Amino acid sequence: MASLSRITCHAVHDMPPAARETLARELFAVHCQIFSGLAFEAFRDYVIERPAFRTWIYVKHNGAGSLVGYTSMHAFHMRVAGRASTVIRMEAGTLRAARGRDLTMVYAVLRLLRLWASEPWRRFCIFAALTHPSSYTFLSHYAPVIYPHASREIPANVMQRMEELAQAFELERIDPANPLLRRVDWVTLESAEERTRWHTSRRPDTRFYVTNNPGYESGHGLLTYIPFNGAILVRSLVRFLVGRAGRIARLVFGDQRAAVPAPSAAPQKAPPAGAEWAHTRPPSL
């Protein structure tokens, strides 16, 4: 029976070099089953050895104790557009069979709340170059404000911050005429059928991402900026808990419906291809 993944948090900034190296090699073994495009040294530098103020990594294990995924969170202290800011950057990967079976977002939001509460006078944001529609769809579903988005234009001051951050993190432009597309070289491993489902999804956020980053299959990333404070984080957490309440309960307590024999009935017509995908929540970030 499926169950929630067990989460272990590693404060990488407090770990000795040997422990960080061991963690990097363990995570890279899982990373290679999810992504292509990075050698071990580049992965270690990107996920473990970032020059951040703080780095936390949430490691996921299934019920059998096998490592099935990770989420890394880096907090950078920077000046952005002349103001003291804390910029959050994240990387994540979860094996297909374990997706949607963890509470990493709850732990991450609580971590961000504590970080914000310690210095609420700073400007806070999550900044990313998202390389797959699942990540953008997940974030846009739970973040009250996200740029870019189909429903709103990017304000000039926000675009200025995004450009400044992209330069600070050395994210190379793909198209000189489009400041949102950047080279990342993380390529998600997926079948042709999975790729087709993303391209034909009826979800507006997914369609927006695929339209604006058609080269994601080659490791191109779409710059994404999410401003936050305490109120925004609480709203995001409530959205997640309410939206996932049923699924979380089934994973914790088991699906009681499975124990009740279904009444006999005439065979039902199968749904059209892709219908289940259209109503399935995206994999966890």
C-alpha atoms as a PDB file:
ATOM      1  CA  MET A   1       0.000   0.000   0.000  1.00  0.00           C
ATOM      2  CA  ALA A   2       1.321   3.459  -0.878  1.00  0.00           C
ATOM      3  CA  SER A   3       2.263   5.726   2.027  1.00  0.00           C
ATOM      4  CA  LEU A   4       3.755   9.131   2.671  1.00  0.00           C
ATOM      5  CA  SER A   5       7.474   9.411   2.063  1.00  0.00           C
ATOM      6  CA  ARG A   6       9.692   9.977   5.088  1.00  0.00           C
ATOM      7  CA  ILE A   7      11.460  13.355   4.966  1.00  0.00           C
ATOM      8  CA  THR A   8      14.878  14.091   6.485  1.00  0.00           C
ATOM      9  CA  CYS A   9      16.204  17.656   6.487  1.00  0.00           C
ATOM     10  CA  HIS A  10      19.966  18.263   6.167  1.00  0.00           C
ATOM     11  CA  ALA A  11      21.338  21.689   7.116  1.00  0.00           C
ATOM     12  CA  VAL A  12      24.120  21.588   4.542  1.00  0.00           C
ATOM     13  CA  HIS A  13      25.728  24.814   5.777  1.00  0.00           C
ATOM     14  CA  ASP A  14      26.524  23.023   9.074  1.00  0.00           C
ATOM     15  CA  MET A  15      27.805  19.774   7.531  1.00  0.00           C
ATOM     16  CA  PRO A  16      31.534  18.987   7.245  1.00  0.00           C
ATOM     17  CA  PRO A  17      32.973  18.578   3.712  1.00  0.00           C
ATOM     18  CA  ALA A  18      33.104  14.778   3.855  1.00  0.00           C
ATOM     19  CA  ALA A  19      29.422  14.531   4.833  1.00  0.00           C
ATOM     20  CA  ARG A  20      28.443  16.943   2.055  1.00  0.00           C
ATOM     21  CA  GLU A  21      30.351  14.845  -0.464  1.00  0.00           C
ATOM     22  CA  THR A  22      28.609  11.666   0.683  1.00  0.00           C
ATOM     23  CA  LEU A  23      25.208  13.346   0.473  1.00  0.00           C
ATOM     24  CA  ALA A  24      25.985  14.678  -3.007  1.00  0.00           C
ATOM     25  CA  ARG A  25      26.827  11.210  -4.311  1.00  0.00           C
ATOM     26  CA  GLU A  26      23.694   9.679  -2.791  1.00  0.00           C
ATOM     27  CA  LEU A  27      21.462  12.341  -4.327  1.00  0.00           C
ATOM     28  CA  PHE A  28      23.203  12.210  -7.690  1.00  0.00           C
ATOM     29  CA  ALA A  29      22.375   8.506  -7.997  1.00  0.00           C
ATOM     30  CA  VAL A  30      18.672   9.424  -7.804  1.00  0.00           C
ATOM     31  CA  HIS A  31      19.089  12.589  -9.862  1.00  0.00           C
ATOM     32  CA  CYS A  32      20.416  10.564 -12.830  1.00  0.00           C
ATOM     33  CA  GLN A  33      17.189   8.558 -12.880  1.00  0.00           C
ATOM     34  CA  ILE A  34      15.158  11.772 -13.260  1.00  0.00           C
ATOM     35  CA  PHE A  35      17.337  14.188 -15.246  1.00  0.00           C
ATOM     36  CA  SER A  36      20.107  14.258 -17.805  1.00  0.00           C
ATOM     37  CA  GLY A  37      22.506  17.056 -18.689  1.00  0.00           C
ATOM     38  CA  LEU A  38      24.718  17.392 -15.576  1.00  0.00           C
ATOM     39  CA  ALA A  39      27.938  15.640 -14.627  1.00  0.00           C
ATOM     40  CA  PHE A  40      28.469  14.876 -10.943  1.00  0.00           C
ATOM     41  CA  GLU A  41      30.768  17.858 -10.312  1.00  0.00           C
ATOM     42  CA  ALA A  42      28.242  20.289 -11.786  1.00  0.00           C
ATOM     43  CA  PHE A  43      25.414  18.691  -9.804  1.00  0.00           C
ATOM     44  CA  ARG A  44      27.399  18.940  -6.562  1.00  0.00           C
ATOM     45  CA  ASP A  45      28.202  22.610  -7.178  1.00  0.00           C
ATOM     46  CA  TYR A  46      24.595  23.408  -8.130  1.00  0.00           C
ATOM     47  CA  VAL A  47      22.741  21.497  -5.398  1.00  0.00           C
ATOM     48  CA  ILE A  48      25.172  21.081  -2.487  1.00  0.00           C
ATOM     49  CA  GLU A  49      28.006  23.607  -2.654  1.00  0.00           C
ATOM     50  CA  ARG A  50      26.119  26.784  -3.480  1.00  0.00           C
ATOM     51  CA  PRO A  51      27.626  29.949  -1.939  1.00  0.00           C
ATOM     52  CA  ALA A  52      24.360  30.607  -0.093  1.00  0.00           C
ATOM     53  CA  PHE A  53      23.725  32.062   3.357  1.00  0.00           C
ATOM     54  CA  ARG A  54      21.821  28.872   4.228  1.00  0.00           C
ATOM     55  CA  THR A  55      21.177  25.591   2.366  1.00  0.00           C
ATOM     56  CA  TRP A  56      18.695  22.951   3.468  1.00  0.00           C
ATOM     57  CA  ILE A  57      18.068  19.701   1.611  1.00  0.00           C
ATOM     58  CA  TYR A  58      14.956  17.617   2.210  1.00  0.00           C
ATOM     59  CA  VAL A  59      15.698  13.990   1.374  1.00  0.00           C
ATOM     60  CA  LYS A  60      12.781  11.628   0.677  1.00  0.00           C
ATOM     61  CA  HIS A  61      12.712   7.903   1.496  1.00  0.00           C
ATOM     62  CA  ASN A  62       9.887   5.488   0.813  1.00  0.00           C
ATOM     63  CA  GLY A  63       8.462   2.981   3.281  1.00  0.00           C
ATOM     64  CA  ALA A  64      11.198   0.487   2.421  1.00  0.00           C
ATOM     65  CA  GLY A  65      13.901   3.035   3.254  1.00  0.00           C
ATOM     66  CA  SER A  66      15.005   3.644  -0.339  1.00  0.00           C
ATOM     67  CA  LEU A  67      15.982   7.161  -1.359  1.00  0.00           C
ATOM     68  CA  VAL A  68      13.348   8.394  -3.838  1.00  0.00           C
ATOM     69  CA  GLY A  69      13.932  12.136  -4.187  1.00  0.00           C
ATOM     70  CA  TYR A  70      15.190  15.435  -2.823  1.00  0.00           C
ATOM     71  CA  THR A  71      14.354  19.127  -2.599  1.00  0.00           C
ATOM     72  CA  SER A  72      17.168  21.611  -2.011  1.00  0.00           C
ATOM     73  CA  MET A  73      16.550  25.143  -0.768  1.00  0.00           C
ATOM     74  CA  HIS A  74      19.204  27.882  -0.826  1.00  0.00           C
ATOM     75  CA  ALA A  75      18.807  31.271   0.848  1.00  0.00           C
ATOM     76  CA  PHE A  76      20.988  34.062  -0.575  1.00  0.00           C
ATOM     77  CA  HIS A  77      21.439  37.465   1.070  1.00  0.00           C
ATOM     78  CA  MET A  78      21.733  39.996  -1.747  1.00  0.00           C
ATOM     79  CA  ARG A  79      20.975  43.558  -2.739  1.00  0.00           C
ATOM     80  CA  VAL A  80      18.439  43.537  -5.545  1.00  0.00           C
ATOM     81  CA  ALA A  81      17.328  46.807  -7.163  1.00  0.00           C
ATOM     82  CA  GLY A  82      19.099  48.639  -4.335  1.00  0.00           C
ATOM     83  CA  ARG A  83      17.259  46.863  -1.508  1.00  0.00           C
ATOM     84  CA  ALA A  84      18.420  44.200   0.955  1.00  0.00           C
ATOM     85  CA  SER A  85      16.793  40.963  -0.172  1.00  0.00           C
ATOM     86  CA  THR A  86      16.659  37.265   0.588  1.00  0.00           C
ATOM     87  CA  VAL A  87      16.470  35.222  -2.590  1.00  0.00           C
ATOM     88  CA  ILE A  88      15.389  31.586  -2.423  1.00  0.00           C
ATOM     89  CA  ARG A  89      16.558  29.169  -5.096  1.00  0.00           C
ATOM     90  CA  MET A  90      15.446  25.547  -5.223  1.00  0.00           C
ATOM     91  CA  GLU A  91      16.130  22.298  -7.082  1.00  0.00           C
ATOM     92  CA  ALA A  92      14.015  19.180  -6.816  1.00  0.00           C
ATOM     93  CA  GLY A  93      13.624  15.714  -8.225  1.00  0.00           C
ATOM     94  CA  THR A  94      11.429  12.758  -7.259  1.00  0.00           C
ATOM     95  CA  LEU A  95      11.186   9.314  -8.799  1.00  0.00           C
ATOM     96  CA  ARG A  96       7.937   8.846 -10.702  1.00  0.00           C
ATOM     97  CA  ALA A  97       6.502   6.208  -8.355  1.00  0.00           C
ATOM     98  CA  ALA A  98       6.946   8.492  -5.316  1.00  0.00           C
ATOM     99  CA  ARG A  99       5.576  11.738  -6.725  1.00  0.00           C
ATOM    100  CA  GLY A 100       2.752  13.384  -4.823  1.00  0.00           C
ATOM    101  CA  ARG A 101       3.433  11.281  -1.722  1.00  0.00           C
ATOM    102  CA  ASP A 102       5.278  13.721   0.509  1.00  0.00           C
ATOM    103  CA  LEU A 103       4.772  16.853   2.567  1.00  0.00           C
ATOM    104  CA  THR A 104       7.950  18.622   1.504  1.00  0.00           C
ATOM    105  CA  MET A 105       5.999  21.768   0.630  1.00  0.00           C
ATOM    106  CA  VAL A 106       4.657  21.970   4.196  1.00  0.00           C
ATOM    107  CA  TYR A 107       8.171  21.725   5.652  1.00  0.00           C
ATOM    108  CA  ALA A 108       9.542  24.187   3.101  1.00  0.00           C
ATOM    109  CA  VAL A 109       6.828  26.792   3.712  1.00  0.00           C
ATOM    110  CA  LEU A 110       7.277  26.529   7.487  1.00  0.00           C
ATOM    111  CA  ARG A 111      11.022  26.987   6.961  1.00  0.00           C
ATOM    112  CA  LEU A 112      10.390  30.081   4.834  1.00  0.00           C
ATOM    113  CA  LEU A 113       8.001  31.461   7.447  1.00  0.00           C
ATOM    114  CA  ARG A 114      10.713  31.216  10.118  1.00  0.00           C
ATOM    115  CA  LEU A 115      13.227  32.785   7.754  1.00  0.00           C
ATOM    116  CA  TRP A 116      10.874  35.671   6.929  1.00  0.00           C
ATOM    117  CA  ALA A 117       9.937  36.229  10.584  1.00  0.00           C
ATOM    118  CA  SER A 118      13.624  36.599  11.527  1.00  0.00           C
ATOM    119  CA  GLU A 119      14.092  39.561   9.128  1.00  0.00           C
ATOM    120  CA  PRO A 120      10.689  40.782   7.885  1.00  0.00           C
ATOM    121  CA  TRP A 121      12.126  44.102   6.753  1.00  0.00           C
ATOM    122  CA  ARG A 122      13.994  42.411   3.880  1.00  0.00           C
ATOM    123  CA  ARG A 123      12.421  41.771   0.466  1.00  0.00           C
ATOM    124  CA  PHE A 124      11.839  38.043  -0.051  1.00  0.00           C
ATOM    125  CA  CYS A 125      11.333  36.092  -3.260  1.00  0.00           C
ATOM    126  CA  ILE A 126      11.710  32.685  -4.861  1.00  0.00           C
ATOM    127  CA  PHE A 127      13.648  32.913  -8.107  1.00  0.00           C
ATOM    128  CA  ALA A 128      13.943  30.037 -10.561  1.00  0.00           C
ATOM    129  CA  ALA A 129      14.515  29.074 -14.178  1.00  0.00           C
ATOM    130  CA  LEU A 130      11.963  26.272 -14.425  1.00  0.00           C
ATOM    131  CA  THR A 131      12.842  23.515 -16.880  1.00  0.00           C
ATOM    132  CA  HIS A 132       9.633  21.467 -16.898  1.00  0.00           C
ATOM    133  CA  PRO A 133       5.896  22.260 -17.057  1.00  0.00           C
ATOM    134  CA  SER A 134       5.232  20.166 -13.922  1.00  0.00           C
ATOM    135  CA  SER A 135       7.262  22.598 -11.782  1.00  0.00           C
ATOM    136  CA  TYR A 136       5.571  25.695 -13.176  1.00  0.00           C
ATOM    137  CA  THR A 137       2.092  24.134 -12.950  1.00  0.00           C
ATOM    138  CA  PHE A 138       2.679  23.174  -9.309  1.00  0.00           C
ATOM    139  CA  LEU A 139       3.987  26.593  -8.281  1.00  0.00           C
ATOM    140  CA  SER A 140       1.343  28.565 -10.156  1.00  0.00           C
ATOM    141  CA  HIS A 141      -1.371  26.452  -8.545  1.00  0.00           C
ATOM    142  CA  TYR A 142      -0.297  27.259  -4.973  1.00  0.00           C
ATOM    143  CA  ALA A 143       1.485  30.638  -5.189  1.00  0.00           C
ATOM    144  CA  PRO A 144      -0.951  33.590  -4.904  1.00  0.00           C
ATOM    145  CA  VAL A 145       1.397  35.736  -7.034  1.00  0.00           C
ATOM    146  CA  ILE A 146       3.797  34.421  -9.676  1.00  0.00           C
ATOM    147  CA  TYR A 147       5.548  36.012 -12.678  1.00  0.00           C
ATOM    148  CA  PRO A 148       5.176  35.370 -15.528  1.00  0.00           C
ATOM    149  CA  HIS A 149       1.518  34.337 -15.605  1.00  0.00           C
ATOM    150  CA  ALA A 150      -1.172  34.229 -18.259  1.00  0.00           C
ATOM    151  CA  SER A 151      -3.473  36.508 -16.236  1.00  0.00           C
ATOM    152  CA  ARG A 152      -1.084  39.406 -15.632  1.00  0.00           C
ATOM    153  CA  GLU A 153       1.695  41.433 -17.201  1.00  0.00           C
ATOM    154  CA  ILE A 154       5.093  41.531 -15.529  1.00  0.00           C
ATOM    155  CA  PRO A 155       5.534  45.007 -13.949  1.00  0.00           C
ATOM    156  CA  ALA A 156       8.600  46.870 -15.132  1.00  0.00           C
ATOM    157  CA  ASN A 157      10.206  46.892 -11.660  1.00  0.00           C
ATOM    158  CA  VAL A 158       9.702  43.133 -11.293  1.00  0.00           C
ATOM    159  CA  MET A 159      11.192  42.513 -14.739  1.00  0.00           C
ATOM    160  CA  GLN A 160      14.182  44.617 -13.711  1.00  0.00           C
ATOM    161  CA  ARG A 161      14.709  42.436 -10.628  1.00  0.00           C
ATOM    162  CA  MET A 162      14.385  39.245 -12.682  1.00  0.00           C
ATOM    163  CA  GLU A 163      16.986  40.455 -15.169  1.00  0.00           C
ATOM    164  CA  GLU A 164      19.323  41.516 -12.360  1.00  0.00           C
ATOM    165  CA  LEU A 165      18.971  38.128 -10.645  1.00  0.00           C
ATOM    166  CA  ALA A 166      19.486  36.218 -13.888  1.00  0.00           C
ATOM    167  CA  GLN A 167      22.757  38.063 -14.410  1.00  0.00           C
ATOM    168  CA  ALA A 168      23.825  37.520 -10.790  1.00  0.00           C
ATOM    169  CA  PHE A 169      23.259  33.769 -11.113  1.00  0.00           C
ATOM    170  CA  GLU A 170      24.865  33.653 -14.578  1.00  0.00           C
ATOM    171  CA  LEU A 171      21.808  32.360 -16.397  1.00  0.00           C
ATOM    172  CA  GLU A 172      22.624  32.709 -20.085  1.00  0.00           C
ATOM    173  CA  ARG A 173      19.953  33.978 -22.481  1.00  0.00           C
ATOM    174  CA  ILE A 174      18.648  31.586 -25.118  1.00  0.00           C
ATOM    175  CA  ASP A 175      17.113  34.291 -27.294  1.00  0.00           C
ATOM    176  CA  PRO A 176      18.518  37.855 -27.152  1.00  0.00           C
ATOM    177  CA  ALA A 177      14.991  39.156 -27.783  1.00  0.00           C
ATOM    178  CA  ASN A 178      13.397  37.152 -24.937  1.00  0.00           C
ATOM    179  CA  PRO A 179      14.747  37.840 -21.427  1.00  0.00           C
ATOM    180  CA  LEU A 180      12.663  35.045 -19.844  1.00  0.00           C
ATOM    181  CA  LEU A 181      14.335  32.088 -21.565  1.00  0.00           C
ATOM    182  CA  ARG A 182      17.628  30.911 -20.054  1.00  0.00           C
ATOM    183  CA  ARG A 183      20.015  28.003 -20.512  1.00  0.00           C
ATOM    184  CA  VAL A 184      19.943  25.567 -17.586  1.00  0.00           C
ATOM    185  CA  ASP A 185      20.721  22.171 -19.181  1.00  0.00           C
ATOM    186  CA  TRP A 186      18.581  20.139 -16.772  1.00  0.00           C
ATOM    187  CA  VAL A 187      16.538  17.814 -18.987  1.00  0.00           C
ATOM    188  CA  THR A 188      13.744  15.767 -17.437  1.00  0.00           C
ATOM    189  CA  LEU A 189      13.737  12.151 -18.588  1.00  0.00           C
ATOM    190  CA  GLU A 190      10.268  11.310 -19.878  1.00  0.00           C
ATOM    191  CA  SER A 191       8.633   9.137 -22.507  1.00  0.00           C
ATOM    192  CA  ALA A 192       7.170  10.427 -25.754  1.00  0.00           C
ATOM    193  CA  GLU A 193       3.706   9.695 -24.330  1.00  0.00           C
ATOM    194  CA  GLU A 194       4.378  11.777 -21.217  1.00  0.00           C
ATOM    195  CA  ARG A 195       5.702  14.635 -23.334  1.00  0.00           C
ATOM    196  CA  THR A 196       2.614  14.520 -25.532  1.00  0.00           C
ATOM    197  CA  ARG A 197       0.366  14.678 -22.481  1.00  0.00           C
ATOM    198  CA  TRP A 198       2.097  17.835 -21.274  1.00  0.00           C
ATOM    199  CA  HIS A 199       1.852  19.413 -24.721  1.00  0.00           C
ATOM    200  CA  THR A 200      -1.854  18.586 -25.028  1.00  0.00           C
ATOM    201  CA  SER A 201      -2.816  19.391 -21.423  1.00  0.00           C
ATOM    202  CA  ARG A 202      -5.974  21.446 -20.945  1.00  0.00           C
ATOM    203  CA  ARG A 203      -4.638  23.178 -17.809  1.00  0.00           C
ATOM    204  CA  PRO A 204      -4.197  26.917 -18.557  1.00  0.00           C
ATOM    205  CA  ASP A 205      -0.974  27.183 -16.515  1.00  0.00           C
ATOM    206  CA  THR A 206       0.553  24.196 -18.286  1.00  0.00           C
ATOM    207  CA  ARG A 207      -0.426  25.534 -21.717  1.00  0.00           C
ATOM    208  CA  PHE A 208       1.060  28.918 -20.786  1.00  0.00           C
ATOM    209  CA  TYR A 209       4.376  27.339 -19.814  1.00  0.00           C
ATOM    210  CA  VAL A 210       4.660  25.107 -22.889  1.00  0.00           C
ATOM    211  CA  THR A 211       3.778  28.019 -25.188  1.00  0.00           C
ATOM    212  CA  ASN A 212       6.356  30.309 -23.612  1.00  0.00           C
ATOM    213  CA  ASN A 213       9.136  27.740 -23.208  1.00  0.00           C
ATOM    214  CA  PRO A 214       8.852  25.343 -26.160  1.00  0.00           C
ATOM    215  CA  GLY A 215      12.527  24.389 -25.756  1.00  0.00           C
ATOM    216  CA  TYR A 216      12.224  22.997 -22.239  1.00  0.00           C
ATOM    217  CA  GLU A 217      12.940  19.536 -23.658  1.00  0.00           C
ATOM    218  CA  SER A 218      16.455  20.819 -24.455  1.00  0.00           C
ATOM    219  CA  GLY A 219      17.091  22.139 -20.941  1.00  0.00           C
ATOM    220  CA  HIS A 220      15.805  25.684 -21.453  1.00  0.00           C
ATOM    221  CA  GLY A 221      14.409  27.346 -18.340  1.00  0.00           C
ATOM    222  CA  LEU A 222      11.641  29.932 -17.941  1.00  0.00           C
ATOM    223  CA  LEU A 223      12.575  32.671 -15.461  1.00  0.00           C
ATOM    224  CA  THR A 224      10.039  32.663 -12.637  1.00  0.00           C
ATOM    225  CA  TYR A 225       9.736  35.153  -9.782  1.00  0.00           C
ATOM    226  CA  ILE A 226       7.517  34.624  -6.722  1.00  0.00           C
ATOM    227  CA  PRO A 227       7.456  37.462  -4.156  1.00  0.00           C
ATOM    228  CA  PHE A 228       6.427  36.416  -0.659  1.00  0.00           C
ATOM    229  CA  ASN A 229       5.892  37.516   2.905  1.00  0.00           C
ATOM    230  CA  GLY A 230       4.248  35.897   5.906  1.00  0.00           C
ATOM    231  CA  ALA A 231       0.681  36.362   4.676  1.00  0.00           C
ATOM    232  CA  ILE A 232       1.464  34.976   1.209  1.00  0.00           C
ATOM    233  CA  LEU A 233       3.186  31.930   2.704  1.00  0.00           C
ATOM    234  CA  VAL A 234       0.206  31.171   4.953  1.00  0.00           C
ATOM    235  CA  ARG A 235      -2.175  31.449   1.995  1.00  0.00           C
ATOM    236  CA  SER A 236      -0.009  29.052  -0.017  1.00  0.00           C
ATOM    237  CA  LEU A 237       0.128  26.559   2.834  1.00  0.00           C
ATOM    238  CA  VAL A 238      -3.655  26.643   3.307  1.00  0.00           C
ATOM    239  CA  ARG A 239      -4.181  26.131  -0.430  1.00  0.00           C
ATOM    240  CA  PHE A 240      -1.903  23.104  -0.376  1.00  0.00           C
ATOM    241  CA  LEU A 241      -3.410  21.497   2.725  1.00  0.00           C
ATOM    242  CA  VAL A 242      -6.992  22.019   1.568  1.00  0.00           C
ATOM    243  CA  GLY A 243      -6.249  20.857  -1.970  1.00  0.00           C
ATOM    244  CA  ARG A 244      -4.343  17.759  -0.843  1.00  0.00           C
ATOM    245  CA  ALA A 245      -6.370  16.889   2.282  1.00  0.00           C
ATOM    246  CA  GLY A 246      -8.089  13.867   0.752  1.00  0.00           C
ATOM    247  CA  ARG A 247      -4.940  12.446  -0.783  1.00  0.00           C
ATOM    248  CA  ILE A 248      -2.897  12.968   2.362  1.00  0.00           C
ATOM    249  CA  ALA A 249      -5.567  11.252   4.482  1.00  0.00           C
ATOM    250  CA  ARG A 250      -5.628   8.241   2.146  1.00  0.00           C
ATOM    251  CA  LEU A 251      -1.833   7.955   2.264  1.00  0.00           C
ATOM    252  CA  VAL A 252      -1.759   8.195   6.060  1.00  0.00           C
ATOM    253  CA  PHE A 253      -4.784   6.051   6.930  1.00  0.00           C
ATOM    254  CA  GLY A 254      -5.175   3.961   3.781  1.00  0.00           C
ATOM    255  CA  ASP A 255      -7.968   4.037   1.220  1.00  0.00           C
ATOM    256  CA  GLN A 256     -10.909   2.502   3.070  1.00  0.00           C
ATOM    257  CA  ARG A 257     -12.872   2.304  -0.156  1.00  0.00           C
ATOM    258  CA  ALA A 258     -10.565  -0.485  -1.306  1.00  0.00           C
ATOM    259  CA  ALA A 259     -11.974  -2.736   1.440  1.00  0.00           C
ATOM    260  CA  VAL A 260     -15.587  -2.275   0.326  1.00  0.00           C
ATOM    261  CA  PRO A 261     -16.631  -4.528  -2.589  1.00  0.00           C
ATOM    262  CA  ALA A 262     -17.905  -2.479  -5.496  1.00  0.00           C
ATOM    263  CA  PRO A 263     -21.486  -3.282  -6.588  1.00  0.00           C
ATOM    264  CA  SER A 264     -21.808  -5.158  -9.822  1.00  0.00           C
ATOM    265  CA  ALA A 265     -22.669  -2.944 -12.742  1.00  0.00           C
ATOM    266  CA  ALA A 266     -22.514  -2.846 -16.476  1.00  0.00           C
ATOM    267  CA  PRO A 267     -19.055  -2.085 -17.883  1.00  0.00           C
ATOM    268  CA  GLN A 268     -18.414   1.628 -18.146  1.00  0.00           C
ATOM    269  CA  LYS A 269     -17.108   3.269 -21.269  1.00  0.00           C
ATOM    270  CA  ALA A 270     -13.437   4.134 -20.894  1.00  0.00           C
ATOM    271  CA  PRO A 271     -12.581   7.847 -20.752  1.00  0.00           C
ATOM    272  CA  PRO A 272     -10.860   9.364 -23.758  1.00  0.00           C
ATOM    273  CA  ALA A 273      -7.088   9.233 -23.869  1.00  0.00           C
ATOM    274  CA  GLY A 274      -5.518  11.959 -21.766  1.00  0.00           C
ATOM    275  CA  ALA A 275      -8.607  12.608 -19.621  1.00  0.00           C
ATOM    276  CA  GLU A 276      -7.062  11.242 -16.445  1.00  0.00           C
ATOM    277  CA  TRP A 277      -3.900  13.311 -16.982  1.00  0.00           C
ATOM    278  CA  ALA A 278      -5.919  16.483 -17.382  1.00  0.00           C
ATOM    279  CA  HIS A 279      -7.449  16.038 -13.937  1.00  0.00           C
ATOM    280  CA  THR A 280      -4.373  14.728 -12.160  1.00  0.00           C
ATOM    281  CA  ARG A 281      -2.379  17.125 -10.006  1.00  0.00           C
ATOM    282  CA  PRO A 282       1.192  17.736 -11.196  1.00  0.00           C
ATOM    283  CA  PRO A 283       4.115  15.957  -9.560  1.00  0.00           C
ATOM    284  CA  SER A 284       5.432  17.587  -6.401  1.00  0.00           C
ATOM    285  CA  LEU A 285       8.193  20.071  -6.878  1.00  0.00           C
END
